[in-house]
Amino acid sequence: QLQLVESGGGLVQPGGSLTLSCAASGFSSPAYAIAWFRRAPGKEREGVACTSNFDNYSWYSDSVKGRFNISRDRSRENFKPTVYLQMGSLKPEDSGVYYCATESTQVSCHYRDYSGGTDFGSWGQGLQVTVSS
């Protein structure tokens, strides 16, 4: 059974940086795609970034492109990957609960449902990120 555990959230000032980690386990094959979503207060859940080791493709939402970077700990490939979301130039509107998500039958970040995450079946517990002075 797939398990995802996030860590690294907290409070940061506008313009600051924060790195989130997602430790995954339970994959039955070495290929995977893992994404980060967030839910801001009063808003729908939205995709932020996704990375795949199947084709080395990464996807970013327009709202974070150029400020966020998603990466993988390649030393932990093979069924227990760790994926990082490095967030920079943070804005108050980046605040929210951040989740990592994956789906055992999908190894691509192309053409995924980043507006609702309906094709991601496994989710972490979520962690709070607050950008405020």
N, C-alpha and C. Protein backbone atom coordinates (compact mmCIF):
# COMPACT_ATOMS: atom_id res chain seq x y z
N GLN A 1 0.85 -1.19 0.00
CA GLN A 1 0.00 0.00 0.00
C GLN A 1 0.88 1.24 0.00
N LEU A 2 0.53 2.17 -0.87
CA LEU A 2 1.33 3.38 -0.97
C LEU A 2 1.14 4.26 0.26
N GLN A 3 2.25 4.80 0.74
CA GLN A 3 2.21 5.74 1.85
C GLN A 3 3.06 6.95 1.51
N LEU A 4 2.56 8.12 1.87
CA LEU A 4 3.26 9.37 1.62
C LEU A 4 3.30 10.16 2.92
N VAL A 5 4.47 10.62 3.30
CA VAL A 5 4.63 11.38 4.53
C VAL A 5 5.34 12.69 4.22
N GLU A 6 4.63 13.80 4.46
CA GLU A 6 5.22 15.12 4.20
C GLU A 6 5.89 15.68 5.45
N SER A 7 6.87 16.52 5.23
CA SER A 7 7.51 17.23 6.34
C SER A 7 8.08 18.54 5.81
N GLY A 8 8.32 19.48 6.75
CA GLY A 8 9.01 20.71 6.39
C GLY A 8 8.15 21.96 6.33
N GLY A 9 6.88 21.87 6.66
CA GLY A 9 6.05 23.07 6.63
C GLY A 9 6.37 24.03 7.76
N GLY A 10 5.68 25.17 7.76
CA GLY A 10 5.88 26.13 8.83
C GLY A 10 5.55 27.54 8.41
N LEU A 11 6.05 28.47 9.20
CA LEU A 11 5.81 29.90 8.98
C LEU A 11 7.05 30.52 8.35
N VAL A 12 6.85 31.32 7.32
CA VAL A 12 7.96 31.99 6.64
C VAL A 12 7.51 33.38 6.23
N GLN A 13 8.44 34.31 6.20
CA GLN A 13 8.11 35.67 5.80
C GLN A 13 8.00 35.79 4.29
N PRO A 14 7.23 36.75 3.82
CA PRO A 14 7.16 36.98 2.37
C PRO A 14 8.56 37.21 1.79
N GLY A 15 8.77 36.60 0.65
CA GLY A 15 10.09 36.67 0.02
C GLY A 15 11.03 35.59 0.46
N GLY A 16 10.65 34.85 1.49
CA GLY A 16 11.50 33.79 2.03
C GLY A 16 11.39 32.49 1.26
N SER A 17 12.09 31.47 1.80
CA SER A 17 12.13 30.16 1.15
C SER A 17 11.78 29.07 2.15
N LEU A 18 11.31 27.97 1.62
CA LEU A 18 10.96 26.81 2.44
C LEU A 18 11.04 25.58 1.56
N THR A 19 11.49 24.48 2.13
CA THR A 19 11.55 23.23 1.39
C THR A 19 10.69 22.18 2.06
N LEU A 20 9.80 21.59 1.28
CA LEU A 20 8.95 20.50 1.75
C LEU A 20 9.50 19.18 1.25
N SER A 21 9.32 18.13 2.04
CA SER A 21 9.75 16.78 1.66
C SER A 21 8.57 15.84 1.67
N CYS A 22 8.61 14.89 0.76
CA CYS A 22 7.59 13.85 0.69
C CYS A 22 8.29 12.51 0.59
N ALA A 23 8.21 11.72 1.65
CA ALA A 23 8.82 10.38 1.66
C ALA A 23 7.76 9.36 1.29
N ALA A 24 8.01 8.64 0.20
CA ALA A 24 7.03 7.70 -0.32
C ALA A 24 7.51 6.27 -0.13
N SER A 25 6.57 5.37 0.04
CA SER A 25 6.89 3.95 0.15
C SER A 25 5.71 3.13 -0.35
N GLY A 26 5.99 1.87 -0.64
CA GLY A 26 4.92 0.97 -1.06
C GLY A 26 4.75 0.82 -2.55
N PHE A 27 5.63 1.46 -3.33
CA PHE A 27 5.55 1.28 -4.78
C PHE A 27 5.94 -0.16 -5.14
N SER A 28 5.28 -0.70 -6.15
CA SER A 28 5.60 -2.05 -6.61
C SER A 28 6.49 -2.05 -7.83
N SER A 29 6.79 -0.88 -8.34
CA SER A 29 7.71 -0.76 -9.47
C SER A 29 8.56 0.48 -9.26
N PRO A 30 9.72 0.59 -9.94
CA PRO A 30 10.59 1.74 -9.72
C PRO A 30 10.10 3.03 -10.37
N ALA A 31 9.18 2.97 -11.33
CA ALA A 31 8.70 4.17 -12.00
C ALA A 31 7.56 4.79 -11.22
N TYR A 32 7.53 6.13 -11.17
CA TYR A 32 6.48 6.81 -10.42
C TYR A 32 6.36 8.25 -10.90
N ALA A 33 5.24 8.85 -10.56
CA ALA A 33 5.03 10.29 -10.69
C ALA A 33 4.44 10.76 -9.37
N ILE A 34 5.06 11.75 -8.78
CA ILE A 34 4.60 12.30 -7.50
C ILE A 34 4.39 13.80 -7.67
N ALA A 35 3.27 14.26 -7.17
CA ALA A 35 2.90 15.67 -7.32
C ALA A 35 2.69 16.32 -5.97
N TRP A 36 2.75 17.64 -5.98
CA TRP A 36 2.38 18.46 -4.82
C TRP A 36 1.12 19.25 -5.18
N PHE A 37 0.19 19.25 -4.24
CA PHE A 37 -1.02 20.05 -4.35
C PHE A 37 -1.07 20.99 -3.15
N ARG A 38 -1.93 21.98 -3.22
CA ARG A 38 -2.17 22.83 -2.06
C ARG A 38 -3.62 23.26 -2.05
N ARG A 39 -4.07 23.55 -0.84
CA ARG A 39 -5.43 24.08 -0.68
C ARG A 39 -5.33 25.32 0.19
N ALA A 40 -5.62 26.45 -0.40
CA ALA A 40 -5.63 27.70 0.34
C ALA A 40 -6.99 27.88 1.00
N PRO A 41 -7.06 28.64 2.08
CA PRO A 41 -8.35 28.86 2.75
C PRO A 41 -9.39 29.42 1.78
N GLY A 42 -10.54 28.77 1.74
CA GLY A 42 -11.63 29.23 0.89
C GLY A 42 -11.47 28.94 -0.58
N LYS A 43 -10.44 28.17 -0.94
CA LYS A 43 -10.21 27.87 -2.36
C LYS A 43 -10.19 26.37 -2.59
N GLU A 44 -10.30 26.01 -3.85
CA GLU A 44 -10.23 24.61 -4.23
C GLU A 44 -8.78 24.13 -4.21
N ARG A 45 -8.63 22.85 -4.06
CA ARG A 45 -7.30 22.24 -4.13
C ARG A 45 -6.74 22.41 -5.55
N GLU A 46 -5.47 22.70 -5.64
CA GLU A 46 -4.86 22.90 -6.95
C GLU A 46 -3.47 22.24 -7.01
N GLY A 47 -3.12 21.77 -8.17
CA GLY A 47 -1.80 21.20 -8.37
C GLY A 47 -0.76 22.30 -8.42
N VAL A 48 0.41 22.01 -7.86
CA VAL A 48 1.51 22.96 -7.80
C VAL A 48 2.66 22.50 -8.68
N ALA A 49 3.05 21.23 -8.54
CA ALA A 49 4.17 20.70 -9.31
C ALA A 49 4.09 19.18 -9.31
N CYS A 50 4.74 18.58 -10.29
CA CYS A 50 4.77 17.12 -10.41
C CYS A 50 6.10 16.71 -11.02
N THR A 51 6.62 15.57 -10.59
CA THR A 51 7.84 15.05 -11.17
C THR A 51 7.69 13.56 -11.43
N SER A 52 8.30 13.11 -12.52
CA SER A 52 8.25 11.70 -12.90
C SER A 52 9.66 11.21 -13.19
N ASN A 53 9.99 10.05 -12.65
CA ASN A 53 11.29 9.47 -12.99
C ASN A 53 11.17 8.55 -14.20
N PHE A 54 9.97 8.44 -14.75
CA PHE A 54 9.75 7.61 -15.94
C PHE A 54 10.32 8.28 -17.18
N ASP A 55 10.04 9.61 -17.30
CA ASP A 55 10.55 10.34 -18.46
C ASP A 55 11.29 11.61 -18.07
N ASN A 56 11.56 11.77 -16.75
CA ASN A 56 12.27 12.93 -16.25
C ASN A 56 11.56 14.24 -16.57
N TYR A 57 10.26 14.17 -16.66
CA TYR A 57 9.47 15.38 -16.95
C TYR A 57 8.94 15.94 -15.64
N SER A 58 8.96 17.26 -15.54
CA SER A 58 8.37 17.95 -14.39
C SER A 58 7.38 19.00 -14.88
N TRP A 59 6.31 19.12 -14.15
CA TRP A 59 5.25 20.09 -14.49
C TRP A 59 5.11 21.08 -13.35
N TYR A 60 4.84 22.35 -13.68
CA TYR A 60 4.60 23.39 -12.69
C TYR A 60 3.36 24.18 -13.07
N SER A 61 2.61 24.60 -12.06
CA SER A 61 1.52 25.52 -12.34
C SER A 61 2.10 26.89 -12.68
N ASP A 62 1.35 27.66 -13.42
CA ASP A 62 1.83 28.99 -13.83
C ASP A 62 2.08 29.88 -12.61
N SER A 63 1.34 29.66 -11.54
CA SER A 63 1.45 30.53 -10.37
C SER A 63 2.76 30.33 -9.62
N VAL A 64 3.45 29.22 -9.84
CA VAL A 64 4.70 28.97 -9.11
C VAL A 64 5.91 28.81 -10.03
N LYS A 65 5.67 28.80 -11.32
CA LYS A 65 6.76 28.60 -12.27
C LYS A 65 7.82 29.67 -12.08
N GLY A 66 9.07 29.25 -12.00
CA GLY A 66 10.18 30.17 -11.79
C GLY A 66 10.49 30.44 -10.33
N ARG A 67 9.58 30.07 -9.43
CA ARG A 67 9.80 30.29 -7.99
C ARG A 67 9.97 28.97 -7.24
N PHE A 68 9.29 27.94 -7.68
CA PHE A 68 9.34 26.63 -7.02
C PHE A 68 10.13 25.65 -7.88
N ASN A 69 10.76 24.70 -7.21
CA ASN A 69 11.47 23.65 -7.92
C ASN A 69 11.16 22.30 -7.27
N ILE A 70 10.77 21.35 -8.07
CA ILE A 70 10.50 20.00 -7.57
C ILE A 70 11.68 19.11 -7.96
N SER A 71 12.13 18.29 -7.02
CA SER A 71 13.28 17.44 -7.29
C SER A 71 13.11 16.11 -6.57
N ARG A 72 13.96 15.16 -6.95
CA ARG A 72 13.89 13.82 -6.38
C ARG A 72 15.24 13.48 -5.75
N ASP A 73 15.20 12.75 -4.67
CA ASP A 73 16.42 12.23 -4.06
C ASP A 73 16.76 10.95 -4.80
N ARG A 74 17.69 11.05 -5.74
CA ARG A 74 17.98 9.91 -6.60
C ARG A 74 18.65 8.77 -5.83
N SER A 75 19.22 9.05 -4.68
CA SER A 75 19.82 7.98 -3.91
C SER A 75 18.77 7.10 -3.29
N ARG A 76 17.51 7.60 -3.28
CA ARG A 76 16.44 6.83 -2.68
C ARG A 76 15.46 6.34 -3.74
N GLU A 77 15.91 6.20 -4.98
CA GLU A 77 15.05 5.66 -6.01
C GLU A 77 14.79 4.19 -5.69
N ASN A 78 14.02 3.54 -6.53
CA ASN A 78 13.72 2.12 -6.34
C ASN A 78 12.79 1.88 -5.16
N PHE A 79 11.53 2.25 -5.38
CA PHE A 79 10.43 1.88 -4.49
C PHE A 79 10.27 2.75 -3.25
N LYS A 80 11.27 3.56 -2.86
CA LYS A 80 11.11 4.45 -1.71
C LYS A 80 11.66 5.83 -2.03
N PRO A 81 11.07 6.52 -2.97
CA PRO A 81 11.60 7.83 -3.34
C PRO A 81 11.24 8.91 -2.34
N THR A 82 12.06 9.95 -2.31
CA THR A 82 11.73 11.17 -1.59
C THR A 82 11.71 12.31 -2.60
N VAL A 83 10.65 13.07 -2.57
CA VAL A 83 10.48 14.19 -3.49
C VAL A 83 10.45 15.48 -2.68
N TYR A 84 11.14 16.50 -3.19
CA TYR A 84 11.23 17.78 -2.50
C TYR A 84 10.53 18.86 -3.31
N LEU A 85 9.98 19.81 -2.59
CA LEU A 85 9.45 21.00 -3.22
C LEU A 85 10.15 22.20 -2.59
N GLN A 86 11.08 22.78 -3.37
CA GLN A 86 11.81 23.95 -2.90
C GLN A 86 11.04 25.18 -3.34
N MET A 87 10.59 25.93 -2.35
CA MET A 87 9.74 27.10 -2.61
C MET A 87 10.51 28.37 -2.31
N GLY A 88 10.58 29.27 -3.28
CA GLY A 88 11.30 30.51 -3.10
C GLY A 88 10.42 31.70 -3.46
N SER A 89 10.89 32.89 -3.08
CA SER A 89 10.14 34.14 -3.34
C SER A 89 8.69 33.97 -2.92
N LEU A 90 8.50 33.45 -1.73
CA LEU A 90 7.16 33.11 -1.28
C LEU A 90 6.29 34.35 -1.08
N LYS A 91 5.02 34.15 -1.38
CA LYS A 91 4.02 35.22 -1.27
C LYS A 91 2.93 34.78 -0.30
N PRO A 92 2.22 35.70 0.28
CA PRO A 92 1.12 35.31 1.18
C PRO A 92 0.11 34.39 0.50
N GLU A 93 -0.11 34.56 -0.78
CA GLU A 93 -1.06 33.70 -1.49
C GLU A 93 -0.55 32.27 -1.69
N ASP A 94 0.70 32.00 -1.33
CA ASP A 94 1.21 30.63 -1.35
C ASP A 94 0.83 29.87 -0.08
N SER A 95 0.24 30.55 0.87
CA SER A 95 -0.15 29.91 2.12
C SER A 95 -1.24 28.87 1.87
N GLY A 96 -1.21 27.82 2.68
CA GLY A 96 -2.22 26.79 2.57
C GLY A 96 -1.71 25.47 3.10
N VAL A 97 -2.52 24.45 2.95
CA VAL A 97 -2.12 23.10 3.31
C VAL A 97 -1.58 22.42 2.06
N TYR A 98 -0.37 21.93 2.15
CA TYR A 98 0.31 21.28 1.02
C TYR A 98 0.27 19.77 1.19
N TYR A 99 -0.05 19.09 0.11
CA TYR A 99 -0.14 17.63 0.09
C TYR A 99 0.73 17.08 -1.04
N CYS A 100 1.36 15.94 -0.79
CA CYS A 100 1.93 15.22 -1.92
C CYS A 100 0.99 14.07 -2.27
N ALA A 101 1.02 13.70 -3.52
CA ALA A 101 0.06 12.72 -4.01
C ALA A 101 0.67 11.90 -5.13
N THR A 102 0.17 10.68 -5.29
CA THR A 102 0.63 9.82 -6.36
C THR A 102 -0.47 8.82 -6.71
N GLU A 103 -0.24 8.07 -7.73
CA GLU A 103 -1.19 7.04 -8.15
C GLU A 103 -0.35 5.87 -8.70
N SER A 104 -0.59 4.68 -8.19
CA SER A 104 0.26 3.55 -8.54
C SER A 104 0.21 3.19 -10.01
N THR A 105 -0.89 3.52 -10.68
CA THR A 105 -1.04 3.12 -12.09
C THR A 105 -0.61 4.22 -13.06
N GLN A 106 -0.13 5.34 -12.55
CA GLN A 106 0.25 6.47 -13.41
C GLN A 106 1.69 6.83 -13.13
N VAL A 107 2.54 6.82 -14.16
CA VAL A 107 3.95 7.15 -13.97
C VAL A 107 4.34 8.42 -14.72
N SER A 108 3.35 9.12 -15.24
CA SER A 108 3.61 10.34 -16.01
C SER A 108 2.99 11.54 -15.33
N CYS A 109 3.61 12.71 -15.56
CA CYS A 109 3.03 13.97 -15.11
C CYS A 109 2.27 14.67 -16.24
N HIS A 110 2.25 14.08 -17.39
CA HIS A 110 1.52 14.68 -18.52
C HIS A 110 0.02 14.43 -18.38
N TYR A 111 -0.77 15.45 -18.75
CA TYR A 111 -2.21 15.31 -18.86
C TYR A 111 -2.87 14.77 -17.59
N ARG A 112 -2.45 15.27 -16.46
CA ARG A 112 -3.04 14.86 -15.20
C ARG A 112 -4.07 15.89 -14.76
N ASP A 113 -4.90 15.52 -13.84
CA ASP A 113 -5.94 16.43 -13.33
C ASP A 113 -5.36 17.27 -12.21
N TYR A 114 -4.72 18.38 -12.56
CA TYR A 114 -4.12 19.24 -11.57
C TYR A 114 -5.11 20.24 -10.97
N SER A 115 -6.29 20.30 -11.52
CA SER A 115 -7.29 21.21 -10.96
C SER A 115 -8.03 20.57 -9.80
N GLY A 116 -8.07 19.24 -9.77
CA GLY A 116 -8.79 18.59 -8.68
C GLY A 116 -8.08 17.38 -8.10
N GLY A 117 -7.11 16.86 -8.84
CA GLY A 117 -6.38 15.71 -8.34
C GLY A 117 -7.15 14.42 -8.36
N THR A 118 -8.17 14.30 -9.21
CA THR A 118 -9.02 13.12 -9.19
C THR A 118 -8.30 11.86 -9.67
N ASP A 119 -7.20 12.00 -10.39
CA ASP A 119 -6.48 10.81 -10.84
C ASP A 119 -5.25 10.53 -9.99
N PHE A 120 -5.25 11.05 -8.77
CA PHE A 120 -4.25 10.73 -7.78
C PHE A 120 -4.97 10.00 -6.64
N GLY A 121 -4.61 8.76 -6.42
CA GLY A 121 -5.36 7.96 -5.46
C GLY A 121 -4.75 7.87 -4.07
N SER A 122 -3.49 8.26 -3.93
CA SER A 122 -2.83 8.20 -2.62
C SER A 122 -2.34 9.58 -2.24
N TRP A 123 -2.64 9.96 -1.01
CA TRP A 123 -2.31 11.31 -0.54
C TRP A 123 -1.62 11.26 0.81
N GLY A 124 -0.76 12.24 1.03
CA GLY A 124 -0.19 12.41 2.35
C GLY A 124 -1.17 13.10 3.26
N GLN A 125 -0.76 13.29 4.51
CA GLN A 125 -1.65 13.87 5.51
C GLN A 125 -1.77 15.39 5.39
N GLY A 126 -0.85 16.00 4.68
CA GLY A 126 -0.87 17.44 4.49
C GLY A 126 -0.11 18.18 5.57
N LEU A 127 0.45 19.32 5.23
CA LEU A 127 1.11 20.15 6.21
C LEU A 127 0.88 21.63 5.88
N GLN A 128 0.91 22.42 6.93
CA GLN A 128 0.57 23.83 6.79
C GLN A 128 1.80 24.65 6.40
N VAL A 129 1.62 25.52 5.42
CA VAL A 129 2.61 26.51 5.06
C VAL A 129 1.94 27.87 5.19
N THR A 130 2.55 28.73 5.98
CA THR A 130 1.99 30.07 6.18
C THR A 130 3.05 31.10 5.81
N VAL A 131 2.71 31.97 4.89
CA VAL A 131 3.61 33.04 4.46
C VAL A 131 3.03 34.35 4.99
N SER A 132 3.70 34.89 5.98
CA SER A 132 3.17 36.08 6.64
C SER A 132 4.29 36.82 7.35
N SER A 133 4.14 38.13 7.43
CA SER A 133 5.11 38.92 8.18
C SER A 133 4.64 39.12 9.61
